[in-house]
Protein backbone atom coordinates (compact mmCIF):
# COMPACT_ATOMS: atom_id res chain seq x y z
CA UNK A 1 0.00 0.00 0.00
CA UNK A 2 2.79 2.43 0.83
CA UNK A 3 4.46 2.03 -2.54
CA UNK A 4 1.14 2.67 -4.33
CA UNK A 5 0.64 5.96 -2.45
CA UNK A 6 4.13 7.13 -3.34
CA UNK A 7 3.57 6.29 -6.99
CA UNK A 8 0.42 8.45 -7.08
CA UNK A 9 1.86 11.56 -5.37
CA UNK A 10 5.16 12.33 -7.04
CA UNK A 11 6.08 15.62 -5.30
CA UNK A 12 4.75 18.99 -4.20
CA UNK A 13 4.39 21.66 -6.90
CA UNK A 14 5.69 24.99 -5.61
CA UNK A 15 5.14 28.31 -7.39
CA UNK A 16 4.35 31.81 -6.19
CA UNK A 17 0.69 31.22 -6.94
CA UNK A 18 0.62 27.92 -5.05
CA UNK A 19 2.30 29.55 -2.03
CA UNK A 20 -0.35 32.30 -2.07
CA UNK A 21 -3.15 29.71 -2.29
CA UNK A 22 -1.60 27.81 0.60
CA UNK A 23 -1.80 30.88 2.84
CA UNK A 24 -5.13 32.33 1.69
CA UNK A 25 -7.24 29.35 0.59
CA UNK A 26 -5.79 26.37 2.52
CA UNK A 27 -4.67 24.61 -0.71
CA UNK A 28 -1.60 22.67 -1.82
CA UNK A 29 -0.58 21.52 -5.28
CA UNK A 30 1.00 18.16 -6.06
CA UNK A 31 2.39 16.64 -9.23
CA UNK A 32 0.63 13.27 -9.49
CA UNK A 33 0.71 10.23 -11.74
CA UNK A 34 -1.09 10.91 -15.02
CA UNK A 35 -3.19 7.74 -14.67
CA UNK A 36 -4.49 8.58 -11.16
CA UNK A 37 -8.08 9.74 -10.75
CA UNK A 38 -9.48 12.08 -8.08
CA UNK A 39 -10.56 9.29 -5.72
CA UNK A 40 -7.11 7.71 -5.78
CA UNK A 41 -5.44 11.09 -5.22
CA UNK A 42 -7.79 11.79 -2.29
CA UNK A 43 -7.00 8.44 -0.64
CA UNK A 44 -3.26 8.90 -1.17
CA UNK A 45 -3.18 12.43 0.30
CA UNK A 46 -5.41 11.56 3.27
CA UNK A 47 -3.45 8.44 4.18
CA UNK A 48 0.00 9.94 3.61
CA UNK A 49 -0.57 13.18 5.55
CA UNK A 50 -3.34 12.07 7.99
CA UNK A 51 -5.74 14.82 6.99
CA UNK A 52 -9.17 15.37 5.42
CA UNK A 53 -9.51 16.67 1.87
CA UNK A 54 -12.42 18.98 1.03
CA UNK A 55 -11.99 19.25 -2.74
CA UNK A 56 -9.60 18.23 -5.50
CA UNK A 57 -9.19 19.89 -8.88
CA UNK A 58 -6.93 18.44 -11.55
CA UNK A 59 -5.22 20.04 -14.50
CA UNK A 60 -3.11 18.38 -17.15
CA UNK A 61 -0.10 20.34 -18.33
CA UNK A 62 2.76 19.50 -20.65
CA UNK A 63 4.96 18.25 -17.81
CA UNK A 64 2.27 16.03 -16.25
CA UNK A 65 -0.82 16.17 -14.07
CA UNK A 66 -1.17 18.68 -11.23
CA UNK A 67 -3.73 18.19 -8.45
CA UNK A 68 -4.82 21.17 -6.38
CA UNK A 69 -5.99 19.89 -3.00
CA UNK A 70 -8.13 21.97 -0.65
CA UNK A 71 -8.10 20.79 2.96
CA UNK A 72 -10.90 21.08 5.51
CA UNK A 73 -10.72 23.88 8.06
CA UNK A 74 -9.50 21.42 10.72
CA UNK A 75 -6.17 21.01 8.91
CA UNK A 76 -3.66 23.67 7.92
CA UNK A 77 -2.11 23.54 4.44
CA UNK A 78 1.02 25.18 5.86
CA UNK A 79 1.53 22.34 8.36
CA UNK A 80 0.93 19.70 5.70
CA UNK A 81 3.18 21.60 3.30
CA UNK A 82 5.95 21.44 5.88
CA UNK A 83 5.58 17.66 6.03
CA UNK A 84 5.43 17.47 2.21
CA UNK A 85 8.73 19.32 1.84
CA UNK A 86 7.42 22.63 0.49
CA UNK A 87 9.57 24.70 2.85
PDB file of N, CA and C in Angstrom:
ATOM      1  N   UNK A   1       0.824  -1.199   0.000  1.00  0.00           N
ATOM      2  CA  UNK A   1       0.000   0.000   0.000  1.00  0.00           C
ATOM      3  C   UNK A   1       0.866   1.260   0.000  1.00  0.00           C
ATOM      4  N   UNK A   2       1.953   1.247   0.757  1.00  0.00           N
ATOM      5  CA  UNK A   2       2.793   2.429   0.833  1.00  0.00           C
ATOM      6  C   UNK A   2       3.387   2.766  -0.525  1.00  0.00           C
ATOM      7  N   UNK A   3       3.847   1.755  -1.253  1.00  0.00           N
ATOM      8  CA  UNK A   3       4.456   2.032  -2.541  1.00  0.00           C
ATOM      9  C   UNK A   3       3.447   2.588  -3.539  1.00  0.00           C
ATOM     10  N   UNK A   4       2.183   2.153  -3.441  1.00  0.00           N
ATOM     11  CA  UNK A   4       1.142   2.672  -4.327  1.00  0.00           C
ATOM     12  C   UNK A   4       0.904   4.146  -4.061  1.00  0.00           C
ATOM     13  N   UNK A   5       0.852   4.548  -2.791  1.00  0.00           N
ATOM     14  CA  UNK A   5       0.641   5.961  -2.453  1.00  0.00           C
ATOM     15  C   UNK A   5       1.767   6.822  -2.989  1.00  0.00           C
ATOM     16  N   UNK A   6       2.988   6.330  -2.886  1.00  0.00           N
ATOM     17  CA  UNK A   6       4.128   7.128  -3.338  1.00  0.00           C
ATOM     18  C   UNK A   6       4.216   7.173  -4.856  1.00  0.00           C
ATOM     19  N   UNK A   7       3.597   6.226  -5.535  1.00  0.00           N
ATOM     20  CA  UNK A   7       3.573   6.290  -6.987  1.00  0.00           C
ATOM     21  C   UNK A   7       2.503   7.254  -7.482  1.00  0.00           C
ATOM     22  N   UNK A   8       1.470   7.517  -6.680  1.00  0.00           N
ATOM     23  CA  UNK A   8       0.415   8.453  -7.079  1.00  0.00           C
ATOM     24  C   UNK A   8       0.884   9.891  -6.867  1.00  0.00           C
ATOM     25  N   UNK A   9       1.360  10.207  -5.675  1.00  0.00           N
ATOM     26  CA  UNK A   9       1.856  11.560  -5.366  1.00  0.00           C
ATOM     27  C   UNK A   9       3.353  11.576  -5.659  1.00  0.00           C
ATOM     28  N   UNK A  10       3.749  12.304  -6.675  1.00  0.00           N
ATOM     29  CA  UNK A  10       5.162  12.335  -7.045  1.00  0.00           C
ATOM     30  C   UNK A  10       5.938  13.344  -6.205  1.00  0.00           C
ATOM     31  N   UNK A  11       5.444  14.598  -6.138  1.00  0.00           N
ATOM     32  CA  UNK A  11       6.077  15.619  -5.302  1.00  0.00           C
ATOM     33  C   UNK A  11       5.176  16.845  -5.245  1.00  0.00           C
ATOM     34  N   UNK A  12       5.495  17.741  -4.318  1.00  0.00           N
ATOM     35  CA  UNK A  12       4.751  18.991  -4.197  1.00  0.00           C
ATOM     36  C   UNK A  12       5.136  19.918  -5.349  1.00  0.00           C
ATOM     37  N   UNK A  13       4.181  20.719  -5.807  1.00  0.00           N
ATOM     38  CA  UNK A  13       4.390  21.661  -6.898  1.00  0.00           C
ATOM     39  C   UNK A  13       4.386  23.058  -6.293  1.00  0.00           C
ATOM     40  N   UNK A  14       5.542  23.718  -6.308  1.00  0.00           N
ATOM     41  CA  UNK A  14       5.687  24.992  -5.607  1.00  0.00           C
ATOM     42  C   UNK A  14       5.928  26.120  -6.607  1.00  0.00           C
ATOM     43  N   UNK A  15       5.005  27.082  -6.616  1.00  0.00           N
ATOM     44  CA  UNK A  15       5.139  28.311  -7.390  1.00  0.00           C
ATOM     45  C   UNK A  15       4.699  29.460  -6.495  1.00  0.00           C
ATOM     46  N   UNK A  16       4.831  30.675  -6.971  1.00  0.00           N
ATOM     47  CA  UNK A  16       4.350  31.810  -6.186  1.00  0.00           C
ATOM     48  C   UNK A  16       2.843  31.737  -5.988  1.00  0.00           C
ATOM     49  N   UNK A  17       2.147  31.340  -7.032  1.00  0.00           N
ATOM     50  CA  UNK A  17       0.691  31.224  -6.942  1.00  0.00           C
ATOM     51  C   UNK A  17       0.287  30.135  -5.949  1.00  0.00           C
ATOM     52  N   UNK A  18       0.976  28.998  -5.977  1.00  0.00           N
ATOM     53  CA  UNK A  18       0.617  27.919  -5.048  1.00  0.00           C
ATOM     54  C   UNK A  18       0.930  28.308  -3.605  1.00  0.00           C
ATOM     55  N   UNK A  19       1.987  29.079  -3.390  1.00  0.00           N
ATOM     56  CA  UNK A  19       2.295  29.548  -2.034  1.00  0.00           C
ATOM     57  C   UNK A  19       1.221  30.523  -1.547  1.00  0.00           C
ATOM     58  N   UNK A  20       0.723  31.378  -2.429  1.00  0.00           N
ATOM     59  CA  UNK A  20      -0.347  32.300  -2.071  1.00  0.00           C
ATOM     60  C   UNK A  20      -1.633  31.539  -1.745  1.00  0.00           C
ATOM     61  N   UNK A  21      -1.954  30.522  -2.559  1.00  0.00           N
ATOM     62  CA  UNK A  21      -3.150  29.714  -2.294  1.00  0.00           C
ATOM     63  C   UNK A  21      -3.014  28.942  -0.988  1.00  0.00           C
ATOM     64  N   UNK A  22      -1.809  28.533  -0.646  1.00  0.00           N
ATOM     65  CA  UNK A  22      -1.601  27.814   0.601  1.00  0.00           C
ATOM     66  C   UNK A  22      -1.952  28.714   1.785  1.00  0.00           C
ATOM     67  N   UNK A  23      -1.540  29.953   1.736  1.00  0.00           N
ATOM     68  CA  UNK A  23      -1.797  30.877   2.836  1.00  0.00           C
ATOM     69  C   UNK A  23      -3.247  31.355   2.884  1.00  0.00           C
ATOM     70  N   UNK A  24      -3.807  31.704   1.734  1.00  0.00           N
ATOM     71  CA  UNK A  24      -5.130  32.329   1.695  1.00  0.00           C
ATOM     72  C   UNK A  24      -6.297  31.353   1.598  1.00  0.00           C
ATOM     73  N   UNK A  25      -6.110  30.230   0.873  1.00  0.00           N
ATOM     74  CA  UNK A  25      -7.239  29.350   0.589  1.00  0.00           C
ATOM     75  C   UNK A  25      -7.073  27.936   1.128  1.00  0.00           C
ATOM     76  N   UNK A  26      -6.018  27.672   1.899  1.00  0.00           N
ATOM     77  CA  UNK A  26      -5.785  26.365   2.516  1.00  0.00           C
ATOM     78  C   UNK A  26      -5.648  25.267   1.451  1.00  0.00           C
ATOM     79  N   UNK A  27      -4.856  25.550   0.396  1.00  0.00           N
ATOM     80  CA  UNK A  27      -4.666  24.607  -0.709  1.00  0.00           C
ATOM     81  C   UNK A  27      -3.188  24.282  -0.885  1.00  0.00           C
ATOM     82  N   UNK A  28      -2.932  23.084  -1.402  1.00  0.00           N
ATOM     83  CA  UNK A  28      -1.600  22.671  -1.824  1.00  0.00           C
ATOM     84  C   UNK A  28      -1.698  22.062  -3.210  1.00  0.00           C
ATOM     85  N   UNK A  29      -0.613  22.135  -3.965  1.00  0.00           N
ATOM     86  CA  UNK A  29      -0.581  21.517  -5.284  1.00  0.00           C
ATOM     87  C   UNK A  29       0.462  20.417  -5.300  1.00  0.00           C
ATOM     88  N   UNK A  30       0.108  19.301  -5.945  1.00  0.00           N
ATOM     89  CA  UNK A  30       0.996  18.156  -6.060  1.00  0.00           C
ATOM     90  C   UNK A  30       1.075  17.716  -7.517  1.00  0.00           C
ATOM     91  N   UNK A  31       2.250  17.301  -7.943  1.00  0.00           N
ATOM     92  CA  UNK A  31       2.389  16.636  -9.231  1.00  0.00           C
ATOM     93  C   UNK A  31       2.058  15.173  -8.965  1.00  0.00           C
ATOM     94  N   UNK A  32       1.106  14.630  -9.722  1.00  0.00           N
ATOM     95  CA  UNK A  32       0.633  13.269  -9.486  1.00  0.00           C
ATOM     96  C   UNK A  32       0.787  12.442 -10.765  1.00  0.00           C
ATOM     97  N   UNK A  33       0.636  11.142 -10.602  1.00  0.00           N
ATOM     98  CA  UNK A  33       0.709  10.227 -11.739  1.00  0.00           C
ATOM     99  C   UNK A  33      -0.417  10.555 -12.710  1.00  0.00           C
ATOM    100  N   UNK A  34      -0.108  10.546 -13.991  1.00  0.00           N
ATOM    101  CA  UNK A  34      -1.094  10.905 -15.020  1.00  0.00           C
ATOM    102  C   UNK A  34      -2.282   9.976 -15.050  1.00  0.00           C
ATOM    103  N   UNK A  35      -2.107   8.726 -14.613  1.00  0.00           N
ATOM    104  CA  UNK A  35      -3.189   7.741 -14.666  1.00  0.00           C
ATOM    105  C   UNK A  35      -4.090   7.787 -13.438  1.00  0.00           C
ATOM    106  N   UNK A  36      -3.719   8.537 -12.403  1.00  0.00           N
ATOM    107  CA  UNK A  36      -4.493   8.581 -11.158  1.00  0.00           C
ATOM    108  C   UNK A  36      -5.750   9.424 -11.326  1.00  0.00           C
ATOM    109  N   UNK A  37      -6.857   8.957 -10.730  1.00  0.00           N
ATOM    110  CA  UNK A  37      -8.083   9.743 -10.754  1.00  0.00           C
ATOM    111  C   UNK A  37      -8.244  10.469  -9.414  1.00  0.00           C
ATOM    112  N   UNK A  38      -9.299  11.253  -9.277  1.00  0.00           N
ATOM    113  CA  UNK A  38      -9.482  12.075  -8.078  1.00  0.00           C
ATOM    114  C   UNK A  38      -9.642  11.238  -6.819  1.00  0.00           C
ATOM    115  N   UNK A  39     -10.354  10.130  -6.903  1.00  0.00           N
ATOM    116  CA  UNK A  39     -10.560   9.285  -5.722  1.00  0.00           C
ATOM    117  C   UNK A  39      -9.234   8.691  -5.245  1.00  0.00           C
ATOM    118  N   UNK A  40      -8.402   8.262  -6.166  1.00  0.00           N
ATOM    119  CA  UNK A  40      -7.105   7.708  -5.784  1.00  0.00           C
ATOM    120  C   UNK A  40      -6.203   8.786  -5.192  1.00  0.00           C
ATOM    121  N   UNK A  41      -6.243   9.981  -5.758  1.00  0.00           N
ATOM    122  CA  UNK A  41      -5.441  11.086  -5.222  1.00  0.00           C
ATOM    123  C   UNK A  41      -5.911  11.434  -3.820  1.00  0.00           C
ATOM    124  N   UNK A  42      -7.227  11.495  -3.603  1.00  0.00           N
ATOM    125  CA  UNK A  42      -7.786  11.792  -2.288  1.00  0.00           C
ATOM    126  C   UNK A  42      -7.315  10.773  -1.255  1.00  0.00           C
ATOM    127  N   UNK A  43      -7.422   9.482  -1.578  1.00  0.00           N
ATOM    128  CA  UNK A  43      -6.998   8.436  -0.645  1.00  0.00           C
ATOM    129  C   UNK A  43      -5.507   8.531  -0.339  1.00  0.00           C
ATOM    130  N   UNK A  44      -4.704   8.810  -1.365  1.00  0.00           N
ATOM    131  CA  UNK A  44      -3.257   8.900  -1.173  1.00  0.00           C
ATOM    132  C   UNK A  44      -2.879  10.079  -0.287  1.00  0.00           C
ATOM    133  N   UNK A  45      -3.490  11.241  -0.517  1.00  0.00           N
ATOM    134  CA  UNK A  45      -3.178  12.432   0.296  1.00  0.00           C
ATOM    135  C   UNK A  45      -3.652  12.236   1.727  1.00  0.00           C
ATOM    136  N   UNK A  46      -4.875  11.743   1.912  1.00  0.00           N
ATOM    137  CA  UNK A  46      -5.406  11.563   3.267  1.00  0.00           C
ATOM    138  C   UNK A  46      -4.609  10.532   4.058  1.00  0.00           C
ATOM    139  N   UNK A  47      -4.188   9.457   3.433  1.00  0.00           N
ATOM    140  CA  UNK A  47      -3.455   8.440   4.179  1.00  0.00           C
ATOM    141  C   UNK A  47      -1.996   8.839   4.394  1.00  0.00           C
ATOM    142  N   UNK A  48      -1.392   9.538   3.462  1.00  0.00           N
ATOM    143  CA  UNK A  48       0.004   9.939   3.612  1.00  0.00           C
ATOM    144  C   UNK A  48       0.168  11.031   4.665  1.00  0.00           C
ATOM    145  N   UNK A  49      -0.726  12.024   4.670  1.00  0.00           N
ATOM    146  CA  UNK A  49      -0.569  13.180   5.551  1.00  0.00           C
ATOM    147  C   UNK A  49      -1.566  13.214   6.707  1.00  0.00           C
ATOM    148  N   UNK A  50      -2.354  12.165   6.905  1.00  0.00           N
ATOM    149  CA  UNK A  50      -3.338  12.066   7.989  1.00  0.00           C
ATOM    150  C   UNK A  50      -4.177  13.337   8.105  1.00  0.00           C
ATOM    151  N   UNK A  51      -4.920  13.627   7.047  1.00  0.00           N
ATOM    152  CA  UNK A  51      -5.744  14.823   6.986  1.00  0.00           C
ATOM    153  C   UNK A  51      -7.036  14.505   6.266  1.00  0.00           C
ATOM    154  N   UNK A  52      -7.924  15.502   6.164  1.00  0.00           N
ATOM    155  CA  UNK A  52      -9.172  15.368   5.418  1.00  0.00           C
ATOM    156  C   UNK A  52      -9.154  16.350   4.259  1.00  0.00           C
ATOM    157  N   UNK A  53      -9.498  15.863   3.079  1.00  0.00           N
ATOM    158  CA  UNK A  53      -9.513  16.674   1.866  1.00  0.00           C
ATOM    159  C   UNK A  53     -10.939  17.136   1.609  1.00  0.00           C
ATOM    160  N   UNK A  54     -11.108  18.419   1.347  1.00  0.00           N
ATOM    161  CA  UNK A  54     -12.425  18.976   1.034  1.00  0.00           C
ATOM    162  C   UNK A  54     -12.719  18.861  -0.457  1.00  0.00           C
ATOM    163  N   UNK A  55     -11.748  19.233  -1.301  1.00  0.00           N
ATOM    164  CA  UNK A  55     -11.986  19.253  -2.745  1.00  0.00           C
ATOM    165  C   UNK A  55     -10.667  19.065  -3.486  1.00  0.00           C
ATOM    166  N   UNK A  56     -10.759  18.418  -4.643  1.00  0.00           N
ATOM    167  CA  UNK A  56      -9.596  18.231  -5.499  1.00  0.00           C
ATOM    168  C   UNK A  56      -9.944  18.707  -6.906  1.00  0.00           C
ATOM    169  N   UNK A  57      -9.076  19.538  -7.472  1.00  0.00           N
ATOM    170  CA  UNK A  57      -9.194  19.890  -8.881  1.00  0.00           C
ATOM    171  C   UNK A  57      -7.917  19.427  -9.567  1.00  0.00           C
ATOM    172  N   UNK A  58      -8.059  19.007 -10.815  1.00  0.00           N
ATOM    173  CA  UNK A  58      -6.932  18.435 -11.545  1.00  0.00           C
ATOM    174  C   UNK A  58      -6.751  19.182 -12.856  1.00  0.00           C
ATOM    175  N   UNK A  59      -5.505  19.451 -13.198  1.00  0.00           N
ATOM    176  CA  UNK A  59      -5.217  20.035 -14.500  1.00  0.00           C
ATOM    177  C   UNK A  59      -4.053  19.267 -15.122  1.00  0.00           C
ATOM    178  N   UNK A  60      -4.151  19.086 -16.420  1.00  0.00           N
ATOM    179  CA  UNK A  60      -3.109  18.383 -17.149  1.00  0.00           C
ATOM    180  C   UNK A  60      -2.299  19.421 -17.921  1.00  0.00           C
ATOM    181  N   UNK A  61      -1.010  19.412 -17.674  1.00  0.00           N
ATOM    182  CA  UNK A  61      -0.096  20.336 -18.333  1.00  0.00           C
ATOM    183  C   UNK A  61       0.940  19.523 -19.108  1.00  0.00           C
ATOM    184  N   UNK A  62       1.780  20.192 -19.822  1.00  0.00           N
ATOM    185  CA  UNK A  62       2.764  19.505 -20.651  1.00  0.00           C
ATOM    186  C   UNK A  62       3.673  18.591 -19.822  1.00  0.00           C
ATOM    187  N   UNK A  63       4.035  19.027 -18.631  1.00  0.00           N
ATOM    188  CA  UNK A  63       4.963  18.251 -17.806  1.00  0.00           C
ATOM    189  C   UNK A  63       4.282  17.131 -17.027  1.00  0.00           C
ATOM    190  N   UNK A  64       2.958  17.088 -16.979  1.00  0.00           N
ATOM    191  CA  UNK A  64       2.266  16.026 -16.251  1.00  0.00           C
ATOM    192  C   UNK A  64       0.906  16.470 -15.752  1.00  0.00           C
ATOM    193  N   UNK A  65       0.489  15.879 -14.646  1.00  0.00           N
ATOM    194  CA  UNK A  65      -0.817  16.166 -14.066  1.00  0.00           C
ATOM    195  C   UNK A  65      -0.611  16.823 -12.705  1.00  0.00           C
ATOM    196  N   UNK A  66      -1.298  17.937 -12.482  1.00  0.00           N
ATOM    197  CA  UNK A  66      -1.175  18.677 -11.227  1.00  0.00           C
ATOM    198  C   UNK A  66      -2.520  18.674 -10.521  1.00  0.00           C
ATOM    199  N   UNK A  67      -2.512  18.226  -9.265  1.00  0.00           N
ATOM    200  CA  UNK A  67      -3.726  18.185  -8.454  1.00  0.00           C
ATOM    201  C   UNK A  67      -3.663  19.304  -7.423  1.00  0.00           C
ATOM    202  N   UNK A  68      -4.693  20.137  -7.399  1.00  0.00           N
ATOM    203  CA  UNK A  68      -4.821  21.172  -6.381  1.00  0.00           C
ATOM    204  C   UNK A  68      -5.763  20.633  -5.314  1.00  0.00           C
ATOM    205  N   UNK A  69      -5.259  20.525  -4.081  1.00  0.00           N
ATOM    206  CA  UNK A  69      -5.990  19.887  -2.996  1.00  0.00           C
ATOM    207  C   UNK A  69      -6.360  20.937  -1.963  1.00  0.00           C
ATOM    208  N   UNK A  70      -7.657  21.073  -1.699  1.00  0.00           N
ATOM    209  CA  UNK A  70      -8.128  21.972  -0.649  1.00  0.00           C
ATOM    210  C   UNK A  70      -8.447  21.130   0.581  1.00  0.00           C
ATOM    211  N   UNK A  71      -7.909  21.522   1.714  1.00  0.00           N
ATOM    212  CA  UNK A  71      -8.101  20.785   2.959  1.00  0.00           C
ATOM    213  C   UNK A  71      -9.255  21.384   3.759  1.00  0.00           C
ATOM    214  N   UNK A  72      -9.835  20.579   4.645  1.00  0.00           N
ATOM    215  CA  UNK A  72     -10.901  21.083   5.507  1.00  0.00           C
ATOM    216  C   UNK A  72     -10.307  22.095   6.488  1.00  0.00           C
ATOM    217  N   UNK A  73     -11.169  22.834   7.145  1.00  0.00           N
ATOM    218  CA  UNK A  73     -10.716  23.884   8.060  1.00  0.00           C
ATOM    219  C   UNK A  73      -9.985  23.329   9.279  1.00  0.00           C
ATOM    220  N   UNK A  74     -10.162  22.043   9.569  1.00  0.00           N
ATOM    221  CA  UNK A  74      -9.496  21.423  10.720  1.00  0.00           C
ATOM    222  C   UNK A  74      -8.003  21.230  10.498  1.00  0.00           C
ATOM    223  N   UNK A  75      -7.563  21.265   9.243  1.00  0.00           N
ATOM    224  CA  UNK A  75      -6.173  21.006   8.911  1.00  0.00           C
ATOM    225  C   UNK A  75      -5.581  22.196   8.173  1.00  0.00           C
ATOM    226  N   UNK A  76      -4.341  22.525   8.507  1.00  0.00           N
ATOM    227  CA  UNK A  76      -3.662  23.674   7.917  1.00  0.00           C
ATOM    228  C   UNK A  76      -2.787  23.218   6.752  1.00  0.00           C
ATOM    229  N   UNK A  77      -2.930  23.867   5.613  1.00  0.00           N
ATOM    230  CA  UNK A  77      -2.112  23.539   4.444  1.00  0.00           C
ATOM    231  C   UNK A  77      -0.641  23.863   4.707  1.00  0.00           C
ATOM    232  N   UNK A  78      -0.363  24.839   5.545  1.00  0.00           N
ATOM    233  CA  UNK A  78       1.018  25.183   5.862  1.00  0.00           C
ATOM    234  C   UNK A  78       1.694  24.066   6.647  1.00  0.00           C
ATOM    235  N   UNK A  79       0.978  23.459   7.603  1.00  0.00           N
ATOM    236  CA  UNK A  79       1.528  22.336   8.359  1.00  0.00           C
ATOM    237  C   UNK A  79       1.768  21.135   7.457  1.00  0.00           C
ATOM    238  N   UNK A  80       0.805  20.849   6.611  1.00  0.00           N
ATOM    239  CA  UNK A  80       0.927  19.699   5.702  1.00  0.00           C
ATOM    240  C   UNK A  80       2.016  19.973   4.671  1.00  0.00           C
ATOM    241  N   UNK A  81       2.125  21.220   4.225  1.00  0.00           N
ATOM    242  CA  UNK A  81       3.185  21.597   3.302  1.00  0.00           C
ATOM    243  C   UNK A  81       4.569  21.412   3.899  1.00  0.00           C
ATOM    244  N   UNK A  82       4.685  21.683   5.199  1.00  0.00           N
ATOM    245  CA  UNK A  82       5.952  21.442   5.885  1.00  0.00           C
ATOM    246  C   UNK A  82       6.326  19.970   5.874  1.00  0.00           C
ATOM    247  N   UNK A  83       5.325  19.108   6.072  1.00  0.00           N
ATOM    248  CA  UNK A  83       5.576  17.662   6.029  1.00  0.00           C
ATOM    249  C   UNK A  83       5.841  17.184   4.602  1.00  0.00           C
ATOM    250  N   UNK A  84       5.265  17.875   3.609  1.00  0.00           N
ATOM    251  CA  UNK A  84       5.426  17.474   2.212  1.00  0.00           C
ATOM    252  C   UNK A  84       6.731  17.982   1.612  1.00  0.00           C
ATOM    253  N   UNK A  85       7.456  18.827   2.334  1.00  0.00           N
ATOM    254  CA  UNK A  85       8.727  19.320   1.840  1.00  0.00           C
ATOM    255  C   UNK A  85       8.633  20.593   1.022  1.00  0.00           C
ATOM    256  N   UNK A  86       7.578  21.376   1.227  1.00  0.00           N
ATOM    257  CA  UNK A  86       7.422  22.630   0.489  1.00  0.00           C
ATOM    258  C   UNK A  86       8.428  23.670   0.989  1.00  0.00           C
ATOM    259  N   UNK A  87       8.678  23.683   2.275  1.00  0.00           N
ATOM    260  CA  UNK A  87       9.571  24.701   2.851  1.00  0.00           C
ATOM    261  C   UNK A  87      10.984  24.207   2.938  1.00  0.00           C
TER     262      UNK A  87
END
